[in-house]
C-alpha cells in the first residue's frame, strides 16, 4: 500500500491538522471514546496525570473517571482486568508505561488474551489494545529502551503493530480498538515528537515539517496487516518498521542507493504480498530493526523472503540490527543501528 493511500473512511474533504504522534494517538482515543461507549482507557497515571508521555492528557476530564482511569502498579492486573472487560463486551485500551514492563503481564497476554477466542470456540473474544512505548534513542538505559516485538509475534492469537508516524499511528490505533483480536500496539517513543534519522547530534525535526505529520481530525482507519511503501526504489528492498524507517531513508540517501523502503507497520500479521512484490522487483533485500539480532523478527523476515523470492535474489539477504546485549546507557549510539551501519549493510547487499 502506498503512503498516499487513505482509508475509505477518510474523504477528500477531511480536514487535516499537524500533529505529533502523541497528539495523533490521543486523537484516536478521543474519537473512539466518543464514538463507542464500550471503549475504556486505563493504566498507570493515564487518568488525572495524562500519561507519562501525555498521550491521554485531557481525556479523563472530558469523559469522566469511569471511562478513563488510573490503575495500580500491576501490569498483570491491568491486562487481566482488560481481558475480563473484553469478555463482557467492553473494548479496553490499556497502557503499559514502558514496553520493558510488560513481563509481569506475560501470562495474562499469552495464556488468556491470546487464547480466549480459541478456548471458548468463538463464544468470547478479547478485543483489547495494549499500548506500549518502546525502543531506544532517549538515553533510557536497559529498562526503558527494549524492543520486544518478536516475543509477541510468536504468540498465536495476538496482533502486533508498530507505527512510524502520526498519520499511521492514529489510523492504526482506531483499527486496533475496533479489532476483535487483542492487539499489541508498540509506540517508538523516539518518534513521539518528530521523525528521527539516527543523527542524534542534529537538531530535532518536528512532525509539523513532515508530510506524515498531517493527520485528519476525525475518524479514519489504516488497515491492519497492511505495509506502506515509504520510498519507491529499484536497487534493493529494505524491510523495516518503527524508528528505523527514517534511519533507513537517511542511509539510502547518504549511500546514494535507490532503495525501496517498506514500512511494515503491522508486524504480524504482515503484508507479505507487498514484501514479495518488492523483493522480486529489486532482487536484493536488507532487513533493519532496532531489537537484538538473535531471534529478532528480522530472522522471520529473512526466512519469508528466502522462501518466496529465492529465484529472484541476486545476493544474500542482509540484516542490520541491535546487538545481542542489554541496551547500554553509556553506549547508546554504539548499540543503535545508525545510518552509517545501515548504509554499510546496503552496500554489502549491492556487492553480493
C-alpha atoms as a PDB file:
ATOM      1  CA  UNK A   1       0.000   0.000   0.000  1.00  0.00           C
ATOM      2  CA  UNK A   2       1.419   3.399  -0.956  1.00  0.00           C
ATOM      3  CA  UNK A   3       1.827   6.031   1.759  1.00  0.00           C
ATOM      4  CA  UNK A   4      -0.517   8.340  -0.134  1.00  0.00           C
ATOM      5  CA  UNK A   5      -3.421   5.892   0.102  1.00  0.00           C
ATOM      6  CA  UNK A   6      -6.044   6.676   2.685  1.00  0.00           C
ATOM      7  CA  UNK A   7      -8.836   4.638   4.219  1.00  0.00           C
ATOM      8  CA  UNK A   8     -12.181   4.747   2.501  1.00  0.00           C
ATOM      9  CA  UNK A   9     -13.430   6.345   5.709  1.00  0.00           C
ATOM     10  CA  UNK A  10     -11.295   9.422   5.032  1.00  0.00           C
ATOM     11  CA  UNK A  11     -12.889  11.663   2.456  1.00  0.00           C
ATOM     12  CA  UNK A  12     -11.005  14.042   0.206  1.00  0.00           C
ATOM     13  CA  UNK A  13     -12.517  16.947   2.136  1.00  0.00           C
ATOM     14  CA  UNK A  14     -11.343  15.713   5.556  1.00  0.00           C
ATOM     15  CA  UNK A  15      -9.605  18.486   7.444  1.00  0.00           C
ATOM     16  CA  UNK A  16      -6.011  17.691   8.375  1.00  0.00           C
ATOM     17  CA  UNK A  17      -4.064  19.207  11.249  1.00  0.00           C
ATOM     18  CA  UNK A  18      -0.323  18.957  12.001  1.00  0.00           C
ATOM     19  CA  UNK A  19       0.047  16.553  14.917  1.00  0.00           C
ATOM     20  CA  UNK A  20       2.845  14.904  16.808  1.00  0.00           C
ATOM     21  CA  UNK A  21       2.493  11.157  17.293  1.00  0.00           C
ATOM     22  CA  UNK A  22       1.445  11.871  20.883  1.00  0.00           C
ATOM     23  CA  UNK A  23      -1.369  14.107  19.670  1.00  0.00           C
ATOM     24  CA  UNK A  24      -2.391  11.617  16.967  1.00  0.00           C
ATOM     25  CA  UNK A  25      -2.660   8.779  19.479  1.00  0.00           C
ATOM     26  CA  UNK A  26      -4.668  10.977  21.833  1.00  0.00           C
ATOM     27  CA  UNK A  27      -6.930  11.962  18.941  1.00  0.00           C
ATOM     28  CA  UNK A  28      -7.534   8.291  18.103  1.00  0.00           C
ATOM     29  CA  UNK A  29      -8.581   7.500  21.669  1.00  0.00           C
ATOM     30  CA  UNK A  30     -10.710  10.657  21.788  1.00  0.00           C
ATOM     31  CA  UNK A  31     -12.502   9.644  18.589  1.00  0.00           C
ATOM     32  CA  UNK A  32     -13.210   6.129  19.827  1.00  0.00           C
ATOM     33  CA  UNK A  33     -14.253   7.165  23.344  1.00  0.00           C
ATOM     34  CA  UNK A  34     -16.825   9.469  21.776  1.00  0.00           C
ATOM     35  CA  UNK A  35     -17.868   7.007  19.061  1.00  0.00           C
ATOM     36  CA  UNK A  36     -18.255   3.866  21.198  1.00  0.00           C
ATOM     37  CA  UNK A  37     -19.479   3.898  24.799  1.00  0.00           C
ATOM     38  CA  UNK A  38     -17.891   0.466  25.327  1.00  0.00           C
ATOM     39  CA  UNK A  39     -14.371   1.894  24.926  1.00  0.00           C
ATOM     40  CA  UNK A  40     -12.464   2.497  28.161  1.00  0.00           C
ATOM     41  CA  UNK A  41      -8.895   3.690  28.707  1.00  0.00           C
ATOM     42  CA  UNK A  42      -6.830   2.846  31.776  1.00  0.00           C
ATOM     43  CA  UNK A  43      -3.333   2.192  33.063  1.00  0.00           C
ATOM     44  CA  UNK A  44      -0.711   3.694  35.344  1.00  0.00           C
ATOM     45  CA  UNK A  45      -1.055   7.500  35.540  1.00  0.00           C
ATOM     46  CA  UNK A  46      -3.162   7.746  32.370  1.00  0.00           C
ATOM     47  CA  UNK A  47      -6.096   9.484  34.078  1.00  0.00           C
ATOM     48  CA  UNK A  48      -5.517  12.700  36.043  1.00  0.00           C
ATOM     49  CA  UNK A  49      -1.831  12.901  35.064  1.00  0.00           C
ATOM     50  CA  UNK A  50      -2.466  12.174  31.370  1.00  0.00           C
ATOM     51  CA  UNK A  51       0.225   9.516  30.979  1.00  0.00           C
ATOM     52  CA  UNK A  52       3.977   9.685  31.390  1.00  0.00           C
ATOM     53  CA  UNK A  53       4.228  10.883  27.759  1.00  0.00           C
ATOM     54  CA  UNK A  54       0.920  12.832  27.955  1.00  0.00           C
ATOM     55  CA  UNK A  55      -0.787  10.631  25.351  1.00  0.00           C
ATOM     56  CA  UNK A  56      -4.029  10.592  27.372  1.00  0.00           C
ATOM     57  CA  UNK A  57      -3.906  14.189  28.601  1.00  0.00           C
ATOM     58  CA  UNK A  58      -7.356  15.718  28.983  1.00  0.00           C
ATOM     59  CA  UNK A  59      -9.300  12.535  28.243  1.00  0.00           C
ATOM     60  CA  UNK A  60     -10.368  11.886  31.843  1.00  0.00           C
ATOM     61  CA  UNK A  61     -11.609  15.452  32.211  1.00  0.00           C
ATOM     62  CA  UNK A  62     -13.641  15.060  29.008  1.00  0.00           C
ATOM     63  CA  UNK A  63     -15.052  11.550  29.530  1.00  0.00           C
ATOM     64  CA  UNK A  64     -15.010  11.057  33.287  1.00  0.00           C
ATOM     65  CA  UNK A  65     -13.338   8.703  35.731  1.00  0.00           C
ATOM     66  CA  UNK A  66     -15.413   5.681  34.712  1.00  0.00           C
ATOM     67  CA  UNK A  67     -14.125   5.834  31.110  1.00  0.00           C
ATOM     68  CA  UNK A  68     -10.518   6.980  31.646  1.00  0.00           C
ATOM     69  CA  UNK A  69      -8.926   5.976  34.926  1.00  0.00           C
ATOM     70  CA  UNK A  70      -5.737   5.107  36.752  1.00  0.00           C
ATOM     71  CA  UNK A  71      -4.724   1.572  37.714  1.00  0.00           C
ATOM     72  CA  UNK A  72      -2.404   0.200  40.411  1.00  0.00           C
ATOM     73  CA  UNK A  73       1.200  -0.565  39.546  1.00  0.00           C
ATOM     74  CA  UNK A  74       0.352  -4.095  38.444  1.00  0.00           C
ATOM     75  CA  UNK A  75       0.785  -4.910  34.779  1.00  0.00           C
ATOM     76  CA  UNK A  76      -0.715  -8.375  35.272  1.00  0.00           C
ATOM     77  CA  UNK A  77      -3.711  -6.824  36.963  1.00  0.00           C
ATOM     78  CA  UNK A  78      -4.148  -4.208  34.243  1.00  0.00           C
ATOM     79  CA  UNK A  79      -4.147  -6.742  31.402  1.00  0.00           C
ATOM     80  CA  UNK A  80      -6.162  -9.295  33.401  1.00  0.00           C
ATOM     81  CA  UNK A  81      -8.874  -6.711  34.054  1.00  0.00           C
ATOM     82  CA  UNK A  82      -8.876  -5.789  30.360  1.00  0.00           C
ATOM     83  CA  UNK A  83      -9.375  -9.438  29.354  1.00  0.00           C
ATOM     84  CA  UNK A  84     -12.372  -9.722  31.683  1.00  0.00           C
ATOM     85  CA  UNK A  85     -13.806  -6.490  30.320  1.00  0.00           C
ATOM     86  CA  UNK A  86     -13.410  -7.801  26.777  1.00  0.00           C
ATOM     87  CA  UNK A  87     -15.283 -10.980  27.619  1.00  0.00           C
ATOM     88  CA  UNK A  88     -18.191  -8.816  28.791  1.00  0.00           C
ATOM     89  CA  UNK A  89     -18.265  -6.638  25.681  1.00  0.00           C
ATOM     90  CA  UNK A  90     -16.051  -3.687  26.579  1.00  0.00           C
ATOM     91  CA  UNK A  91     -13.124  -2.537  24.447  1.00  0.00           C
ATOM     92  CA  UNK A  92     -10.284  -1.678  26.793  1.00  0.00           C
ATOM     93  CA  UNK A  93      -7.309   0.397  25.691  1.00  0.00           C
ATOM     94  CA  UNK A  94      -4.629  -0.106  28.322  1.00  0.00           C
ATOM     95  CA  UNK A  95      -1.206   1.435  28.630  1.00  0.00           C
ATOM     96  CA  UNK A  96       1.881  -0.356  29.884  1.00  0.00           C
ATOM     97  CA  UNK A  97       4.046   2.615  30.811  1.00  0.00           C
ATOM     98  CA  UNK A  98       7.109   1.196  29.021  1.00  0.00           C
ATOM     99  CA  UNK A  99       7.278  -1.974  26.913  1.00  0.00           C
ATOM    100  CA  UNK A 100      10.071  -3.104  29.230  1.00  0.00           C
ATOM    101  CA  UNK A 101       7.452  -3.544  31.977  1.00  0.00           C
ATOM    102  CA  UNK A 102       5.123  -5.954  30.186  1.00  0.00           C
ATOM    103  CA  UNK A 103       6.801  -9.103  31.531  1.00  0.00           C
ATOM    104  CA  UNK A 104       4.653  -9.431  34.702  1.00  0.00           C
ATOM    105  CA  UNK A 105       1.615  -9.431  32.380  1.00  0.00           C
ATOM    106  CA  UNK A 106       3.012 -12.160  30.105  1.00  0.00           C
ATOM    107  CA  UNK A 107       0.719 -14.884  31.420  1.00  0.00           C
ATOM    108  CA  UNK A 108      -2.377 -12.716  31.012  1.00  0.00           C
ATOM    109  CA  UNK A 109      -1.342 -11.710  27.477  1.00  0.00           C
ATOM    110  CA  UNK A 110      -0.291 -15.153  26.255  1.00  0.00           C
ATOM    111  CA  UNK A 111      -2.464 -17.585  28.209  1.00  0.00           C
ATOM    112  CA  UNK A 112      -5.629 -15.515  28.490  1.00  0.00           C
ATOM    113  CA  UNK A 113      -5.973 -12.706  25.930  1.00  0.00           C
ATOM    114  CA  UNK A 114      -4.433 -14.554  23.002  1.00  0.00           C
ATOM    115  CA  UNK A 115      -6.250 -17.829  23.688  1.00  0.00           C
ATOM    116  CA  UNK A 116      -9.723 -16.685  24.733  1.00  0.00           C
ATOM    117  CA  UNK A 117     -11.398 -16.881  21.322  1.00  0.00           C
ATOM    118  CA  UNK A 118      -9.860 -20.302  20.566  1.00  0.00           C
ATOM    119  CA  UNK A 119     -10.535 -21.738  24.013  1.00  0.00           C
ATOM    120  CA  UNK A 120     -14.180 -20.647  24.008  1.00  0.00           C
ATOM    121  CA  UNK A 121     -14.775 -21.753  20.377  1.00  0.00           C
ATOM    122  CA  UNK A 122     -15.612 -18.165  19.495  1.00  0.00           C
ATOM    123  CA  UNK A 123     -18.087 -17.568  22.329  1.00  0.00           C
ATOM    124  CA  UNK A 124     -15.782 -14.947  23.888  1.00  0.00           C
ATOM    125  CA  UNK A 125     -13.172 -12.587  22.485  1.00  0.00           C
ATOM    126  CA  UNK A 126     -10.604 -10.238  23.985  1.00  0.00           C
ATOM    127  CA  UNK A 127     -10.977  -7.040  21.931  1.00  0.00           C
ATOM    128  CA  UNK A 128      -8.275  -5.224  23.884  1.00  0.00           C
ATOM    129  CA  UNK A 129      -5.499  -2.899  22.771  1.00  0.00           C
ATOM    130  CA  UNK A 130      -2.296  -2.863  24.822  1.00  0.00           C
ATOM    131  CA  UNK A 131      -0.287   0.302  24.174  1.00  0.00           C
ATOM    132  CA  UNK A 132       3.428   0.163  24.960  1.00  0.00           C
ATOM    133  CA  UNK A 133       6.095   2.843  24.324  1.00  0.00           C
ATOM    134  CA  UNK A 134       9.159   1.001  23.041  1.00  0.00           C
ATOM    135  CA  UNK A 135      12.662   1.409  21.661  1.00  0.00           C
ATOM    136  CA  UNK A 136      15.698   3.483  22.484  1.00  0.00           C
ATOM    137  CA  UNK A 137      17.272   6.725  21.426  1.00  0.00           C
ATOM    138  CA  UNK A 138      16.231   8.636  24.575  1.00  0.00           C
ATOM    139  CA  UNK A 139      19.023   7.542  26.962  1.00  0.00           C
ATOM    140  CA  UNK A 140      16.624   5.286  28.825  1.00  0.00           C
ATOM    141  CA  UNK A 141      19.115   2.507  29.505  1.00  0.00           C
ATOM    142  CA  UNK A 142      18.381  -1.205  29.655  1.00  0.00           C
ATOM    143  CA  UNK A 143      14.984  -0.993  31.384  1.00  0.00           C
ATOM    144  CA  UNK A 144      13.427   1.781  29.270  1.00  0.00           C
ATOM    145  CA  UNK A 145      14.670   1.017  25.751  1.00  0.00           C
ATOM    146  CA  UNK A 146      13.679  -2.536  24.824  1.00  0.00           C
ATOM    147  CA  UNK A 147      12.020  -3.584  21.562  1.00  0.00           C
ATOM    148  CA  UNK A 148      10.204  -6.849  22.420  1.00  0.00           C
ATOM    149  CA  UNK A 149       8.050  -7.161  19.288  1.00  0.00           C
ATOM    150  CA  UNK A 150       9.395 -10.608  18.335  1.00  0.00           C
ATOM    151  CA  UNK A 151       8.094 -12.071  21.601  1.00  0.00           C
ATOM    152  CA  UNK A 152       4.534 -11.145  20.671  1.00  0.00           C
ATOM    153  CA  UNK A 153       4.716 -12.280  17.049  1.00  0.00           C
ATOM    154  CA  UNK A 154       5.491 -15.789  18.299  1.00  0.00           C
ATOM    155  CA  UNK A 155       2.116 -15.986  20.082  1.00  0.00           C
ATOM    156  CA  UNK A 156      -0.855 -17.253  18.080  1.00  0.00           C
ATOM    157  CA  UNK A 157      -3.886 -15.047  18.593  1.00  0.00           C
ATOM    158  CA  UNK A 158      -2.067 -11.729  19.019  1.00  0.00           C
ATOM    159  CA  UNK A 159      -1.711  -8.928  16.501  1.00  0.00           C
ATOM    160  CA  UNK A 160       1.420  -6.775  16.738  1.00  0.00           C
ATOM    161  CA  UNK A 161       1.548  -3.251  15.363  1.00  0.00           C
ATOM    162  CA  UNK A 162       4.244  -0.538  15.329  1.00  0.00           C
ATOM    163  CA  UNK A 163       3.521   2.767  13.545  1.00  0.00           C
ATOM    164  CA  UNK A 164       6.305   5.087  12.429  1.00  0.00           C
ATOM    165  CA  UNK A 165       4.417   8.369  12.019  1.00  0.00           C
ATOM    166  CA  UNK A 166       1.380  10.314  13.275  1.00  0.00           C
ATOM    167  CA  UNK A 167      -0.895   9.558  10.301  1.00  0.00           C
ATOM    168  CA  UNK A 168      -0.421   5.801  10.650  1.00  0.00           C
ATOM    169  CA  UNK A 169      -0.472   5.955  14.445  1.00  0.00           C
ATOM    170  CA  UNK A 170      -3.976   7.369  14.574  1.00  0.00           C
ATOM    171  CA  UNK A 171      -5.422   5.206  11.797  1.00  0.00           C
ATOM    172  CA  UNK A 172      -3.849   2.013  13.133  1.00  0.00           C
ATOM    173  CA  UNK A 173      -4.895   2.701  16.729  1.00  0.00           C
ATOM    174  CA  UNK A 174      -8.526   3.203  15.700  1.00  0.00           C
ATOM    175  CA  UNK A 175      -8.357  -0.023  13.672  1.00  0.00           C
ATOM    176  CA  UNK A 176      -6.805  -1.811  16.654  1.00  0.00           C
ATOM    177  CA  UNK A 177      -9.523  -0.636  19.041  1.00  0.00           C
ATOM    178  CA  UNK A 178     -12.205  -1.844  16.620  1.00  0.00           C
ATOM    179  CA  UNK A 179     -10.498  -5.218  16.113  1.00  0.00           C
ATOM    180  CA  UNK A 180     -11.962  -8.217  17.947  1.00  0.00           C
ATOM    181  CA  UNK A 181      -8.493  -9.674  18.495  1.00  0.00           C
ATOM    182  CA  UNK A 182      -6.040  -8.488  21.158  1.00  0.00           C
ATOM    183  CA  UNK A 183      -3.581  -6.027  19.631  1.00  0.00           C
ATOM    184  CA  UNK A 184      -0.116  -5.217  20.955  1.00  0.00           C
ATOM    185  CA  UNK A 185       0.362  -1.594  19.926  1.00  0.00           C
ATOM    186  CA  UNK A 186       4.028  -0.616  20.163  1.00  0.00           C
ATOM    187  CA  UNK A 187       4.929   3.077  20.002  1.00  0.00           C
ATOM    188  CA  UNK A 188       8.555   4.070  19.253  1.00  0.00           C
ATOM    189  CA  UNK A 189       8.988   6.844  21.799  1.00  0.00           C
ATOM    190  CA  UNK A 190      11.890   8.439  19.916  1.00  0.00           C
ATOM    191  CA  UNK A 191       9.294   9.269  17.219  1.00  0.00           C
ATOM    192  CA  UNK A 192       6.707  10.797  19.542  1.00  0.00           C
ATOM    193  CA  UNK A 193       7.692  14.378  18.698  1.00  0.00           C
ATOM    194  CA  UNK A 194       9.335  14.075  15.297  1.00  0.00           C
ATOM    195  CA  UNK A 195      10.952  11.755  12.734  1.00  0.00           C
ATOM    196  CA  UNK A 196      14.451  10.591  13.690  1.00  0.00           C
ATOM    197  CA  UNK A 197      17.070   9.711  11.073  1.00  0.00           C
ATOM    198  CA  UNK A 198      19.649   8.387  13.510  1.00  0.00           C
ATOM    199  CA  UNK A 199      21.810  11.517  13.640  1.00  0.00           C
ATOM    200  CA  UNK A 200      21.422  12.145  17.336  1.00  0.00           C
ATOM    201  CA  UNK A 201      23.616  15.246  17.297  1.00  0.00           C
ATOM    202  CA  UNK A 202      21.425  17.016  14.713  1.00  0.00           C
ATOM    203  CA  UNK A 203      18.509  19.334  15.564  1.00  0.00           C
ATOM    204  CA  UNK A 204      15.151  17.618  16.106  1.00  0.00           C
ATOM    205  CA  UNK A 205      12.765  17.972  13.152  1.00  0.00           C
ATOM    206  CA  UNK A 206       9.146  18.434  14.277  1.00  0.00           C
ATOM    207  CA  UNK A 207       6.318  16.422  12.747  1.00  0.00           C
ATOM    208  CA  UNK A 208       4.775  19.673  11.539  1.00  0.00           C
ATOM    209  CA  UNK A 209       7.514  19.772   8.882  1.00  0.00           C
ATOM    210  CA  UNK A 210       6.900  16.210   7.642  1.00  0.00           C
ATOM    211  CA  UNK A 211       4.196  15.137   5.215  1.00  0.00           C
ATOM    212  CA  UNK A 212       3.074  12.293   7.509  1.00  0.00           C
ATOM    213  CA  UNK A 213       2.515  14.755  10.332  1.00  0.00           C
ATOM    214  CA  UNK A 214      -0.690  15.955   8.662  1.00  0.00           C
ATOM    215  CA  UNK A 215      -3.475  13.981  10.336  1.00  0.00           C
ATOM    216  CA  UNK A 216      -7.256  14.039   9.662  1.00  0.00           C
ATOM    217  CA  UNK A 217      -9.100  15.379  12.680  1.00  0.00           C
ATOM    218  CA  UNK A 218     -11.931  12.848  12.667  1.00  0.00           C
ATOM    219  CA  UNK A 219     -12.405   9.117  12.202  1.00  0.00           C
ATOM    220  CA  UNK A 220     -10.357   7.088   9.737  1.00  0.00           C
ATOM    221  CA  UNK A 221      -8.533   3.782   9.780  1.00  0.00           C
ATOM    222  CA  UNK A 222      -5.326   2.342   8.402  1.00  0.00           C
ATOM    223  CA  UNK A 223      -5.880  -1.341   7.701  1.00  0.00           C
ATOM    224  CA  UNK A 224      -4.135  -3.783   9.996  1.00  0.00           C
ATOM    225  CA  UNK A 225      -1.784  -6.160   8.136  1.00  0.00           C
ATOM    226  CA  UNK A 226      -1.025  -3.512   5.503  1.00  0.00           C
ATOM    227  CA  UNK A 227       2.511  -2.331   4.734  1.00  0.00           C
ATOM    228  CA  UNK A 228       3.469   1.043   3.278  1.00  0.00           C
ATOM    229  CA  UNK A 229       5.975   1.744   0.508  1.00  0.00           C
ATOM    230  CA  UNK A 230       7.602   4.710   2.192  1.00  0.00           C
ATOM    231  CA  UNK A 231      10.110   5.223  -0.603  1.00  0.00           C
ATOM    232  CA  UNK A 232       9.886   3.565  -4.039  1.00  0.00           C
ATOM    233  CA  UNK A 233      13.186   2.281  -5.440  1.00  0.00           C
ATOM    234  CA  UNK A 234      14.742  -0.172  -7.858  1.00  0.00           C
ATOM    235  CA  UNK A 235      18.117  -1.331  -6.496  1.00  0.00           C
ATOM    236  CA  UNK A 236      17.232  -3.084  -3.249  1.00  0.00           C
ATOM    237  CA  UNK A 237      14.338  -3.628  -0.835  1.00  0.00           C
ATOM    238  CA  UNK A 238      14.551  -2.540   2.789  1.00  0.00           C
ATOM    239  CA  UNK A 239      12.155  -4.227   5.218  1.00  0.00           C
ATOM    240  CA  UNK A 240      11.820  -2.239   8.421  1.00  0.00           C
ATOM    241  CA  UNK A 241       9.436  -0.609  10.886  1.00  0.00           C
ATOM    242  CA  UNK A 242       9.278   1.971  13.663  1.00  0.00           C
ATOM    243  CA  UNK A 243      12.180   4.354  14.164  1.00  0.00           C
ATOM    244  CA  UNK A 244      14.375   2.507  11.687  1.00  0.00           C
ATOM    245  CA  UNK A 245      12.143   3.570   8.782  1.00  0.00           C
ATOM    246  CA  UNK A 246      13.660   7.048   8.846  1.00  0.00           C
ATOM    247  CA  UNK A 247      17.169   5.792   9.597  1.00  0.00           C
ATOM    248  CA  UNK A 248      16.922   3.571   6.517  1.00  0.00           C
ATOM    249  CA  UNK A 249      15.716   6.525   4.456  1.00  0.00           C
ATOM    250  CA  UNK A 250      18.706   8.606   5.572  1.00  0.00           C
ATOM    251  CA  UNK A 251      21.127   5.733   4.966  1.00  0.00           C
ATOM    252  CA  UNK A 252      19.868   5.232   1.412  1.00  0.00           C
ATOM    253  CA  UNK A 253      20.284   8.927   0.636  1.00  0.00           C
ATOM    254  CA  UNK A 254      23.774   9.075   2.146  1.00  0.00           C
ATOM    255  CA  UNK A 255      24.903   5.900   0.363  1.00  0.00           C
ATOM    256  CA  UNK A 256      23.423   7.001  -2.966  1.00  0.00           C
ATOM    257  CA  UNK A 257      21.410   3.778  -3.293  1.00  0.00           C
ATOM    258  CA  UNK A 258      17.956   3.696  -4.876  1.00  0.00           C
ATOM    259  CA  UNK A 259      16.360   1.664  -2.087  1.00  0.00           C
ATOM    260  CA  UNK A 260      12.691   0.748  -1.879  1.00  0.00           C
ATOM    261  CA  UNK A 261      11.805   1.160   1.790  1.00  0.00           C
ATOM    262  CA  UNK A 262       8.899  -0.896   3.082  1.00  0.00           C
ATOM    263  CA  UNK A 263       7.423   0.209   6.397  1.00  0.00           C
ATOM    264  CA  UNK A 264       5.758  -2.951   7.687  1.00  0.00           C
ATOM    265  CA  UNK A 265       3.529  -1.015  10.148  1.00  0.00           C
ATOM    266  CA  UNK A 266       1.712  -4.219  11.057  1.00  0.00           C
ATOM    267  CA  UNK A 267       4.453  -6.624  12.107  1.00  0.00           C
ATOM    268  CA  UNK A 268       2.146  -9.609  12.476  1.00  0.00           C
ATOM    269  CA  UNK A 269       0.046 -10.437  10.594  1.00  0.00           C
ATOM    270  CA  UNK A 270       2.117  -8.780   7.886  1.00  0.00           C
ATOM    271  CA  UNK A 271       1.598  -7.697   4.299  1.00  0.00           C
ATOM    272  CA  UNK A 272       3.505 -10.487   2.585  1.00  0.00           C
ATOM    273  CA  UNK A 273       2.214  -9.510  -0.847  1.00  0.00           C
ATOM    274  CA  UNK A 274       3.886  -6.086  -0.736  1.00  0.00           C
ATOM    275  CA  UNK A 275       7.140  -7.595   0.552  1.00  0.00           C
ATOM    276  CA  UNK A 276       7.312 -10.267  -2.133  1.00  0.00           C
ATOM    277  CA  UNK A 277       6.449  -7.887  -4.963  1.00  0.00           C
ATOM    278  CA  UNK A 278       9.220  -5.503  -3.929  1.00  0.00           C
ATOM    279  CA  UNK A 279      11.961  -8.114  -3.471  1.00  0.00           C
ATOM    280  CA  UNK A 280      11.094  -9.799  -6.762  1.00  0.00           C
ATOM    281  CA  UNK A 281      11.446  -6.396  -8.431  1.00  0.00           C
ATOM    282  CA  UNK A 282      14.763  -5.356  -6.869  1.00  0.00           C
ATOM    283  CA  UNK A 283      16.435  -8.756  -6.390  1.00  0.00           C
ATOM    284  CA  UNK A 284      18.144  -7.635  -3.180  1.00  0.00           C
ATOM    285  CA  UNK A 285      16.919  -7.307   0.401  1.00  0.00           C
ATOM    286  CA  UNK A 286      18.120  -5.762   3.662  1.00  0.00           C
ATOM    287  CA  UNK A 287      16.210  -6.216   6.932  1.00  0.00           C
ATOM    288  CA  UNK A 288      16.652  -3.476   9.530  1.00  0.00           C
ATOM    289  CA  UNK A 289      15.384  -3.337  13.115  1.00  0.00           C
ATOM    290  CA  UNK A 290      16.476  -1.885  16.432  1.00  0.00           C
ATOM    291  CA  UNK A 291      15.823  -5.011  18.505  1.00  0.00           C
ATOM    292  CA  UNK A 292      18.539  -7.524  19.302  1.00  0.00           C
ATOM    293  CA  UNK A 293      19.681  -9.693  16.402  1.00  0.00           C
ATOM    294  CA  UNK A 294      19.307 -13.284  17.590  1.00  0.00           C
ATOM    295  CA  UNK A 295      15.709 -14.482  17.223  1.00  0.00           C
ATOM    296  CA  UNK A 296      14.646 -10.937  16.338  1.00  0.00           C
ATOM    297  CA  UNK A 297      11.724 -10.526  13.955  1.00  0.00           C
ATOM    298  CA  UNK A 298      14.236  -9.924  11.184  1.00  0.00           C
ATOM    299  CA  UNK A 299      15.016 -13.640  11.214  1.00  0.00           C
ATOM    300  CA  UNK A 300      11.385 -14.385  10.301  1.00  0.00           C
ATOM    301  CA  UNK A 301      11.505 -11.794   7.528  1.00  0.00           C
ATOM    302  CA  UNK A 302      14.681 -13.335   6.122  1.00  0.00           C
ATOM    303  CA  UNK A 303      13.046 -16.780   6.135  1.00  0.00           C
ATOM    304  CA  UNK A 304       9.924 -15.488   4.358  1.00  0.00           C
ATOM    305  CA  UNK A 305      11.921 -13.684   1.673  1.00  0.00           C
ATOM    306  CA  UNK A 306      14.094 -16.749   1.124  1.00  0.00           C
ATOM    307  CA  UNK A 307      11.002 -18.939   0.856  1.00  0.00           C
ATOM    308  CA  UNK A 308       9.072 -16.730  -1.567  1.00  0.00           C
ATOM    309  CA  UNK A 309      11.803 -14.937  -3.542  1.00  0.00           C
ATOM    310  CA  UNK A 310      14.729 -17.374  -3.744  1.00  0.00           C
ATOM    311  CA  UNK A 311      14.983 -17.420  -7.548  1.00  0.00           C
ATOM    312  CA  UNK A 312      14.842 -13.628  -7.805  1.00  0.00           C
ATOM    313  CA  UNK A 313      17.562 -12.909  -5.210  1.00  0.00           C
ATOM    314  CA  UNK A 314      20.842 -11.613  -6.622  1.00  0.00           C
ATOM    315  CA  UNK A 315      22.681 -11.567  -3.280  1.00  0.00           C
ATOM    316  CA  UNK A 316      22.369 -12.929   0.254  1.00  0.00           C
ATOM    317  CA  UNK A 317      19.825 -11.140   2.455  1.00  0.00           C
ATOM    318  CA  UNK A 318      21.467  -8.739   4.897  1.00  0.00           C
ATOM    319  CA  UNK A 319      20.402  -7.940   8.469  1.00  0.00           C
ATOM    320  CA  UNK A 320      21.255  -4.749  10.354  1.00  0.00           C
ATOM    321  CA  UNK A 321      20.039  -4.820  13.953  1.00  0.00           C
ATOM    322  CA  UNK A 322      20.807  -4.009  17.548  1.00  0.00           C
ATOM    323  CA  UNK A 323      23.428  -6.109  19.294  1.00  0.00           C
ATOM    324  CA  UNK A 324      22.841  -9.160  21.490  1.00  0.00           C
ATOM    325  CA  UNK A 325      23.335  -7.216  24.708  1.00  0.00           C
ATOM    326  CA  UNK A 326      21.140  -5.267  27.098  1.00  0.00           C
ATOM    327  CA  UNK A 327      20.558  -1.743  25.802  1.00  0.00           C
ATOM    328  CA  UNK A 328      23.514   0.252  27.204  1.00  0.00           C
ATOM    329  CA  UNK A 329      23.056   3.701  28.693  1.00  0.00           C
ATOM    330  CA  UNK A 330      26.627   4.947  28.216  1.00  0.00           C
ATOM    331  CA  UNK A 331      26.978   3.465  24.705  1.00  0.00           C
ATOM    332  CA  UNK A 332      23.519   4.312  23.337  1.00  0.00           C
ATOM    333  CA  UNK A 333      24.710   5.158  19.823  1.00  0.00           C
ATOM    334  CA  UNK A 334      27.059   2.202  19.550  1.00  0.00           C
ATOM    335  CA  UNK A 335      24.035  -0.044  20.069  1.00  0.00           C
ATOM    336  CA  UNK A 336      21.532   1.900  17.978  1.00  0.00           C
ATOM    337  CA  UNK A 337      21.752   0.897  14.272  1.00  0.00           C
ATOM    338  CA  UNK A 338      22.543   4.342  12.869  1.00  0.00           C
ATOM    339  CA  UNK A 339      22.737   5.494   9.228  1.00  0.00           C
ATOM    340  CA  UNK A 340      26.400   4.537   8.857  1.00  0.00           C
ATOM    341  CA  UNK A 341      25.854   0.947   9.938  1.00  0.00           C
ATOM    342  CA  UNK A 342      22.645   0.647   7.901  1.00  0.00           C
ATOM    343  CA  UNK A 343      24.337   2.103   4.806  1.00  0.00           C
ATOM    344  CA  UNK A 344      27.144  -0.448   5.181  1.00  0.00           C
ATOM    345  CA  UNK A 345      24.517  -3.196   5.099  1.00  0.00           C
ATOM    346  CA  UNK A 346      23.058  -1.715   1.926  1.00  0.00           C
ATOM    347  CA  UNK A 347      26.486  -1.687   0.287  1.00  0.00           C
ATOM    348  CA  UNK A 348      27.140  -5.317   1.222  1.00  0.00           C
ATOM    349  CA  UNK A 349      23.841  -6.303  -0.381  1.00  0.00           C
ATOM    350  CA  UNK A 350      24.720  -4.383  -3.541  1.00  0.00           C
ATOM    351  CA  UNK A 351      28.154  -6.017  -3.782  1.00  0.00           C
ATOM    352  CA  UNK A 352      26.931  -9.565  -3.172  1.00  0.00           C
END
